[in-house]
Amino acid sequence: MVVKVYGTAMASASRRVLSCLIEKNVEFEIIPVDLMKGEHKQPEFLKLQPFGVVPAIQDGDFILYESRAIIRYYAEKYREQGPDLLGKTVEERAVVEQWLEVESQNYHPPIYNLVKHLLFHPKMGLPIDEKLMEESEEKLGKVLDIYEERLSKSKYLAGDFYSLADLTHLPFTHYLVNDIGKAYMIKDRKHVSAWWDDITSRSSWKQVLEI
């Protein structure tokens, strides 16, 4: 059954989902939702995602939204297909979940602020909050220092295997490194830099960037 992904392939959250689907060899079809035209706020899309943000997926009769929930769902549903992205033991699974929470609660808020203001605000003619940028970079730097310590002891965040904990970082860190002039935040940390080079070299991510 072909999974329908409602959204745009350029959206960061959509990229998180597409990367997981490709890793798990799940066939999908992107159903375009034009954000510039406000289609994500129209009644038809709001039936799938009542908060009006992309993506949402339709898997047969099953509908799900929130990208981190979606990647957990597919990693579980197709556990025996493609690489194991969840961990083989209860303990490994718990560590994957721990770092997924770290990403959503500690890593994402400051990097989101940086990307939103430095990449998207200029395109929309909106001002950049310089104080917020300074605070966000400081917060993200402290988080990355913790990552550096962690990655000095293991190849990936949850251990020696690539997992959802790593995958979930791809979209926004891509912006940080390639689009807003903050690559040094990754490159100046030896182990974080090696980890980033590793996870961005995966075929699945390269395919996502080509969609």
C-alpha atoms as a PDB file:
ATOM      1  CA  MET A   1       0.000   0.000   0.000  1.00  0.00           C
ATOM      2  CA  VAL A   2       1.364   3.408  -0.970  1.00  0.00           C
ATOM      3  CA  VAL A   3       1.556   5.894   1.881  1.00  0.00           C
ATOM      4  CA  LYS A   4       0.173   9.346   1.104  1.00  0.00           C
ATOM      5  CA  VAL A   5       2.259  12.163   2.542  1.00  0.00           C
ATOM      6  CA  TYR A   6       0.348  15.441   2.555  1.00  0.00           C
ATOM      7  CA  GLY A   7       2.672  18.426   2.502  1.00  0.00           C
ATOM      8  CA  THR A   8       5.663  19.710   0.617  1.00  0.00           C
ATOM      9  CA  ALA A   9       8.939  17.867   0.246  1.00  0.00           C
ATOM     10  CA  MET A  10      10.800  21.086   1.083  1.00  0.00           C
ATOM     11  CA  ALA A  11       9.302  21.401   4.566  1.00  0.00           C
ATOM     12  CA  SER A  12      11.644  20.330   7.353  1.00  0.00           C
ATOM     13  CA  ALA A  13       9.079  18.134   9.117  1.00  0.00           C
ATOM     14  CA  SER A  14       8.164  16.474   5.826  1.00  0.00           C
ATOM     15  CA  ARG A  15      11.834  15.721   5.220  1.00  0.00           C
ATOM     16  CA  ARG A  16      12.011  13.982   8.589  1.00  0.00           C
ATOM     17  CA  VAL A  17       9.153  11.693   7.551  1.00  0.00           C
ATOM     18  CA  LEU A  18      10.443  11.061   4.032  1.00  0.00           C
ATOM     19  CA  SER A  19      13.867  10.128   5.363  1.00  0.00           C
ATOM     20  CA  CYS A  20      12.291   7.509   7.620  1.00  0.00           C
ATOM     21  CA  LEU A  21      10.082   6.104   4.852  1.00  0.00           C
ATOM     22  CA  ILE A  22      13.070   5.745   2.535  1.00  0.00           C
ATOM     23  CA  GLU A  23      15.147   4.083   5.264  1.00  0.00           C
ATOM     24  CA  LYS A  24      12.355   1.555   5.792  1.00  0.00           C
ATOM     25  CA  ASN A  25      11.788   1.013   2.055  1.00  0.00           C
ATOM     26  CA  VAL A  26       8.165   2.150   2.288  1.00  0.00           C
ATOM     27  CA  GLU A  27       6.564   3.314  -0.954  1.00  0.00           C
ATOM     28  CA  PHE A  28       5.020   6.767  -0.706  1.00  0.00           C
ATOM     29  CA  GLU A  29       3.312   9.456  -2.735  1.00  0.00           C
ATOM     30  CA  ILE A  30       3.573  13.152  -1.913  1.00  0.00           C
ATOM     31  CA  ILE A  31       0.236  14.948  -2.087  1.00  0.00           C
ATOM     32  CA  PRO A  32       1.238  18.597  -2.557  1.00  0.00           C
ATOM     33  CA  VAL A  33      -0.044  21.168  -0.069  1.00  0.00           C
ATOM     34  CA  ASP A  34       0.846  24.685  -1.215  1.00  0.00           C
ATOM     35  CA  LEU A  35       1.841  26.604   1.897  1.00  0.00           C
ATOM     36  CA  MET A  36       2.232  29.881   0.002  1.00  0.00           C
ATOM     37  CA  LYS A  37      -1.415  29.671  -1.040  1.00  0.00           C
ATOM     38  CA  GLY A  38      -2.485  28.773   2.483  1.00  0.00           C
ATOM     39  CA  GLU A  39      -3.782  25.335   1.531  1.00  0.00           C
ATOM     40  CA  HIS A  40      -2.635  23.998   4.924  1.00  0.00           C
ATOM     41  CA  LYS A  41      -5.252  26.226   6.556  1.00  0.00           C
ATOM     42  CA  GLN A  42      -8.125  25.153   4.325  1.00  0.00           C
ATOM     43  CA  PRO A  43     -10.950  22.911   5.625  1.00  0.00           C
ATOM     44  CA  GLU A  44      -9.924  19.950   3.454  1.00  0.00           C
ATOM     45  CA  PHE A  45      -6.437  19.772   4.953  1.00  0.00           C
ATOM     46  CA  LEU A  46      -7.647  20.637   8.467  1.00  0.00           C
ATOM     47  CA  LYS A  47      -9.668  17.409   8.405  1.00  0.00           C
ATOM     48  CA  LEU A  48      -6.321  15.593   8.300  1.00  0.00           C
ATOM     49  CA  GLN A  49      -4.319  17.963  10.498  1.00  0.00           C
ATOM     50  CA  PRO A  50      -6.484  20.223  12.680  1.00  0.00           C
ATOM     51  CA  PHE A  51      -3.501  22.403  13.641  1.00  0.00           C
ATOM     52  CA  GLY A  52      -2.855  23.289  10.010  1.00  0.00           C
ATOM     53  CA  VAL A  53       0.804  22.339   9.670  1.00  0.00           C
ATOM     54  CA  VAL A  54       2.479  19.812   7.393  1.00  0.00           C
ATOM     55  CA  PRO A  55       2.872  16.918   7.062  1.00  0.00           C
ATOM     56  CA  ALA A  56       0.072  14.463   7.647  1.00  0.00           C
ATOM     57  CA  ILE A  57       0.042  10.894   6.380  1.00  0.00           C
ATOM     58  CA  GLN A  58      -2.680   8.575   5.223  1.00  0.00           C
ATOM     59  CA  ASP A  59      -1.877   4.880   5.439  1.00  0.00           C
ATOM     60  CA  GLY A  60      -4.985   3.121   4.163  1.00  0.00           C
ATOM     61  CA  ASP A  61      -7.708   4.370   6.492  1.00  0.00           C
ATOM     62  CA  PHE A  62      -5.205   5.414   9.152  1.00  0.00           C
ATOM     63  CA  ILE A  63      -4.364   9.118   9.405  1.00  0.00           C
ATOM     64  CA  LEU A  64      -1.536  10.484  11.534  1.00  0.00           C
ATOM     65  CA  TYR A  65       0.159  13.844  11.980  1.00  0.00           C
ATOM     66  CA  GLU A  66       3.171  15.249  13.884  1.00  0.00           C
ATOM     67  CA  SER A  67       6.394  14.184  12.187  1.00  0.00           C
ATOM     68  CA  ARG A  68       8.036  12.643  15.253  1.00  0.00           C
ATOM     69  CA  ALA A  69       4.961  10.500  15.897  1.00  0.00           C
ATOM     70  CA  ILE A  70       4.940   9.465  12.238  1.00  0.00           C
ATOM     71  CA  ILE A  71       8.563   8.324  12.225  1.00  0.00           C
ATOM     72  CA  ARG A  72       8.001   6.334  15.416  1.00  0.00           C
ATOM     73  CA  TYR A  73       4.970   4.695  13.800  1.00  0.00           C
ATOM     74  CA  TYR A  74       6.808   3.602  10.659  1.00  0.00           C
ATOM     75  CA  ALA A  75       9.915   2.493  12.504  1.00  0.00           C
ATOM     76  CA  GLU A  76       7.650   0.222  14.567  1.00  0.00           C
ATOM     77  CA  LYS A  77       5.302  -0.910  11.809  1.00  0.00           C
ATOM     78  CA  TYR A  78       8.177  -1.929   9.538  1.00  0.00           C
ATOM     79  CA  ARG A  79      10.551  -2.988  12.283  1.00  0.00           C
ATOM     80  CA  GLU A  80      11.699  -6.054  10.338  1.00  0.00           C
ATOM     81  CA  GLN A  81      12.132  -4.080   7.108  1.00  0.00           C
ATOM     82  CA  GLY A  82      15.216  -1.995   6.472  1.00  0.00           C
ATOM     83  CA  PRO A  83      17.522  -0.939   9.317  1.00  0.00           C
ATOM     84  CA  ASP A  84      16.348  -1.086  12.917  1.00  0.00           C
ATOM     85  CA  LEU A  85      15.800   2.545  13.893  1.00  0.00           C
ATOM     86  CA  LEU A  86      14.398   1.859  17.359  1.00  0.00           C
ATOM     87  CA  GLY A  87      16.933  -0.370  19.139  1.00  0.00           C
ATOM     88  CA  LYS A  88      16.885  -4.116  19.699  1.00  0.00           C
ATOM     89  CA  THR A  89      16.455  -4.166  23.476  1.00  0.00           C
ATOM     90  CA  VAL A  90      14.230  -2.318  25.910  1.00  0.00           C
ATOM     91  CA  GLU A  91      17.275  -0.400  27.101  1.00  0.00           C
ATOM     92  CA  GLU A  92      18.330   0.616  23.588  1.00  0.00           C
ATOM     93  CA  ARG A  93      14.778   1.691  22.814  1.00  0.00           C
ATOM     94  CA  ALA A  94      14.719   3.800  25.966  1.00  0.00           C
ATOM     95  CA  VAL A  95      17.936   5.577  24.983  1.00  0.00           C
ATOM     96  CA  VAL A  96      16.555   6.263  21.485  1.00  0.00           C
ATOM     97  CA  GLU A  97      13.453   7.757  23.098  1.00  0.00           C
ATOM     98  CA  GLN A  98      15.612   9.773  25.477  1.00  0.00           C
ATOM     99  CA  TRP A  99      17.491  11.437  22.618  1.00  0.00           C
ATOM    100  CA  LEU A 100      14.312  11.971  20.631  1.00  0.00           C
ATOM    101  CA  GLU A 101      13.070  13.923  23.634  1.00  0.00           C
ATOM    102  CA  VAL A 102      16.349  15.827  23.875  1.00  0.00           C
ATOM    103  CA  GLU A 103      15.988  16.834  20.233  1.00  0.00           C
ATOM    104  CA  SER A 104      12.400  18.014  20.588  1.00  0.00           C
ATOM    105  CA  GLN A 105      12.770  19.734  23.968  1.00  0.00           C
ATOM    106  CA  ASN A 106      16.340  21.058  24.056  1.00  0.00           C
ATOM    107  CA  TYR A 107      17.775  21.098  20.528  1.00  0.00           C
ATOM    108  CA  HIS A 108      14.813  22.087  18.396  1.00  0.00           C
ATOM    109  CA  PRO A 109      13.621  25.291  20.154  1.00  0.00           C
ATOM    110  CA  PRO A 110      16.857  27.298  19.770  1.00  0.00           C
ATOM    111  CA  ILE A 111      17.704  25.968  16.295  1.00  0.00           C
ATOM    112  CA  TYR A 112      14.130  26.700  15.186  1.00  0.00           C
ATOM    113  CA  ASN A 113      14.501  30.306  16.345  1.00  0.00           C
ATOM    114  CA  LEU A 114      17.768  30.698  14.458  1.00  0.00           C
ATOM    115  CA  VAL A 115      16.445  29.211  11.221  1.00  0.00           C
ATOM    116  CA  LYS A 116      13.118  31.023  11.378  1.00  0.00           C
ATOM    117  CA  HIS A 117      14.690  34.453  11.879  1.00  0.00           C
ATOM    118  CA  LEU A 118      17.836  34.152   9.775  1.00  0.00           C
ATOM    119  CA  LEU A 119      16.451  32.180   6.838  1.00  0.00           C
ATOM    120  CA  PHE A 120      12.745  32.893   6.610  1.00  0.00           C
ATOM    121  CA  HIS A 121      12.222  36.324   8.149  1.00  0.00           C
ATOM    122  CA  PRO A 122      14.290  38.105   5.471  1.00  0.00           C
ATOM    123  CA  LYS A 123      12.275  36.357   2.754  1.00  0.00           C
ATOM    124  CA  MET A 124       9.045  37.535   4.355  1.00  0.00           C
ATOM    125  CA  GLY A 125      10.277  41.054   5.020  1.00  0.00           C
ATOM    126  CA  LEU A 126      10.151  40.533   8.784  1.00  0.00           C
ATOM    127  CA  PRO A 127      12.694  41.891  11.280  1.00  0.00           C
ATOM    128  CA  ILE A 128      15.374  39.765  12.926  1.00  0.00           C
ATOM    129  CA  ASP A 129      15.399  39.771  16.724  1.00  0.00           C
ATOM    130  CA  GLU A 130      19.133  40.074  17.372  1.00  0.00           C
ATOM    131  CA  LYS A 131      18.798  39.513  21.113  1.00  0.00           C
ATOM    132  CA  LEU A 132      16.830  36.324  20.515  1.00  0.00           C
ATOM    133  CA  MET A 133      19.459  35.204  18.000  1.00  0.00           C
ATOM    134  CA  GLU A 134      22.234  35.689  20.532  1.00  0.00           C
ATOM    135  CA  GLU A 135      20.304  33.835  23.242  1.00  0.00           C
ATOM    136  CA  SER A 136      19.321  31.016  20.891  1.00  0.00           C
ATOM    137  CA  GLU A 137      22.876  30.474  19.667  1.00  0.00           C
ATOM    138  CA  GLU A 138      24.125  30.386  23.238  1.00  0.00           C
ATOM    139  CA  LYS A 139      21.461  27.827  24.201  1.00  0.00           C
ATOM    140  CA  LEU A 140      22.141  25.682  21.151  1.00  0.00           C
ATOM    141  CA  GLY A 141      25.875  25.832  21.820  1.00  0.00           C
ATOM    142  CA  LYS A 142      25.366  24.467  25.324  1.00  0.00           C
ATOM    143  CA  VAL A 143      23.240  21.635  23.945  1.00  0.00           C
ATOM    144  CA  LEU A 144      25.868  20.852  21.321  1.00  0.00           C
ATOM    145  CA  ASP A 145      28.531  20.719  24.022  1.00  0.00           C
ATOM    146  CA  ILE A 146      26.525  17.926  25.630  1.00  0.00           C
ATOM    147  CA  TYR A 147      26.259  16.222  22.235  1.00  0.00           C
ATOM    148  CA  GLU A 148      30.028  16.502  21.805  1.00  0.00           C
ATOM    149  CA  GLU A 149      30.574  14.715  25.103  1.00  0.00           C
ATOM    150  CA  ARG A 150      28.032  12.029  24.223  1.00  0.00           C
ATOM    151  CA  LEU A 151      29.424  11.473  20.723  1.00  0.00           C
ATOM    152  CA  SER A 152      32.958  11.162  22.076  1.00  0.00           C
ATOM    153  CA  LYS A 153      31.778   7.896  23.615  1.00  0.00           C
ATOM    154  CA  SER A 154      29.437   6.489  20.954  1.00  0.00           C
ATOM    155  CA  LYS A 155      29.198   6.740  17.188  1.00  0.00           C
ATOM    156  CA  TYR A 156      25.544   7.781  17.260  1.00  0.00           C
ATOM    157  CA  LEU A 157      23.369   9.436  19.872  1.00  0.00           C
ATOM    158  CA  ALA A 158      21.664   6.272  21.093  1.00  0.00           C
ATOM    159  CA  GLY A 159      24.734   4.056  20.818  1.00  0.00           C
ATOM    160  CA  ASP A 160      26.621   2.404  17.994  1.00  0.00           C
ATOM    161  CA  PHE A 161      23.611   2.170  15.662  1.00  0.00           C
ATOM    162  CA  TYR A 162      21.854   4.788  13.533  1.00  0.00           C
ATOM    163  CA  SER A 163      18.377   5.464  14.877  1.00  0.00           C
ATOM    164  CA  LEU A 164      15.457   7.861  14.866  1.00  0.00           C
ATOM    165  CA  ALA A 165      17.404   9.861  17.456  1.00  0.00           C
ATOM    166  CA  ASP A 166      19.900  10.805  14.751  1.00  0.00           C
ATOM    167  CA  LEU A 167      17.458  11.002  11.847  1.00  0.00           C
ATOM    168  CA  THR A 168      15.233  13.549  13.566  1.00  0.00           C
ATOM    169  CA  HIS A 169      18.081  16.095  13.620  1.00  0.00           C
ATOM    170  CA  LEU A 170      18.623  16.117   9.866  1.00  0.00           C
ATOM    171  CA  PRO A 171      16.209  18.788   8.523  1.00  0.00           C
ATOM    172  CA  PHE A 172      16.956  21.732  10.793  1.00  0.00           C
ATOM    173  CA  THR A 173      20.657  21.014  11.175  1.00  0.00           C
ATOM    174  CA  HIS A 174      20.850  21.025   7.368  1.00  0.00           C
ATOM    175  CA  TYR A 175      19.594  24.623   7.450  1.00  0.00           C
ATOM    176  CA  LEU A 176      22.042  25.506  10.221  1.00  0.00           C
ATOM    177  CA  VAL A 177      25.022  24.181   8.272  1.00  0.00           C
ATOM    178  CA  ASN A 178      24.061  25.151   4.727  1.00  0.00           C
ATOM    179  CA  ASP A 179      21.767  28.176   4.820  1.00  0.00           C
ATOM    180  CA  ILE A 180      22.281  30.531   7.755  1.00  0.00           C
ATOM    181  CA  GLY A 181      26.054  30.742   8.151  1.00  0.00           C
ATOM    182  CA  LYS A 182      26.230  28.765  11.385  1.00  0.00           C
ATOM    183  CA  ALA A 183      28.133  25.697  10.138  1.00  0.00           C
ATOM    184  CA  TYR A 184      30.891  26.392  12.660  1.00  0.00           C
ATOM    185  CA  MET A 185      28.544  25.341  15.456  1.00  0.00           C
ATOM    186  CA  ILE A 186      28.778  21.803  14.070  1.00  0.00           C
ATOM    187  CA  LYS A 187      32.223  21.852  12.450  1.00  0.00           C
ATOM    188  CA  ASP A 188      34.053  23.276  15.476  1.00  0.00           C
ATOM    189  CA  ARG A 189      33.023  20.267  17.564  1.00  0.00           C
ATOM    190  CA  LYS A 190      35.113  17.291  16.455  1.00  0.00           C
ATOM    191  CA  HIS A 191      32.741  14.479  17.366  1.00  0.00           C
ATOM    192  CA  VAL A 192      29.560  16.342  16.436  1.00  0.00           C
ATOM    193  CA  SER A 193      31.128  17.155  13.070  1.00  0.00           C
ATOM    194  CA  ALA A 194      32.044  13.505  12.418  1.00  0.00           C
ATOM    195  CA  TRP A 195      28.519  12.444  13.394  1.00  0.00           C
ATOM    196  CA  TRP A 196      26.987  15.041  11.075  1.00  0.00           C
ATOM    197  CA  ASP A 197      29.184  13.958   8.161  1.00  0.00           C
ATOM    198  CA  ASP A 198      28.147  10.368   8.802  1.00  0.00           C
ATOM    199  CA  ILE A 199      24.387  10.823   8.993  1.00  0.00           C
ATOM    200  CA  THR A 200      24.214  13.213   6.031  1.00  0.00           C
ATOM    201  CA  SER A 201      26.106  10.736   3.869  1.00  0.00           C
ATOM    202  CA  ARG A 202      23.278   8.208   4.117  1.00  0.00           C
ATOM    203  CA  SER A 203      21.550   7.407   0.830  1.00  0.00           C
ATOM    204  CA  SER A 204      18.124   8.104   2.339  1.00  0.00           C
ATOM    205  CA  TRP A 205      18.995  11.704   3.205  1.00  0.00           C
ATOM    206  CA  LYS A 206      20.610  12.328  -0.164  1.00  0.00           C
ATOM    207  CA  GLN A 207      17.422  11.087  -1.803  1.00  0.00           C
ATOM    208  CA  VAL A 208      15.291  13.379   0.344  1.00  0.00           C
ATOM    209  CA  LEU A 209      17.298  16.402  -0.765  1.00  0.00           C
ATOM    210  CA  GLU A 210      16.735  15.465  -4.396  1.00  0.00           C
ATOM    211  CA  ILE A 211      12.929  15.249  -4.118  1.00  0.00           C
END
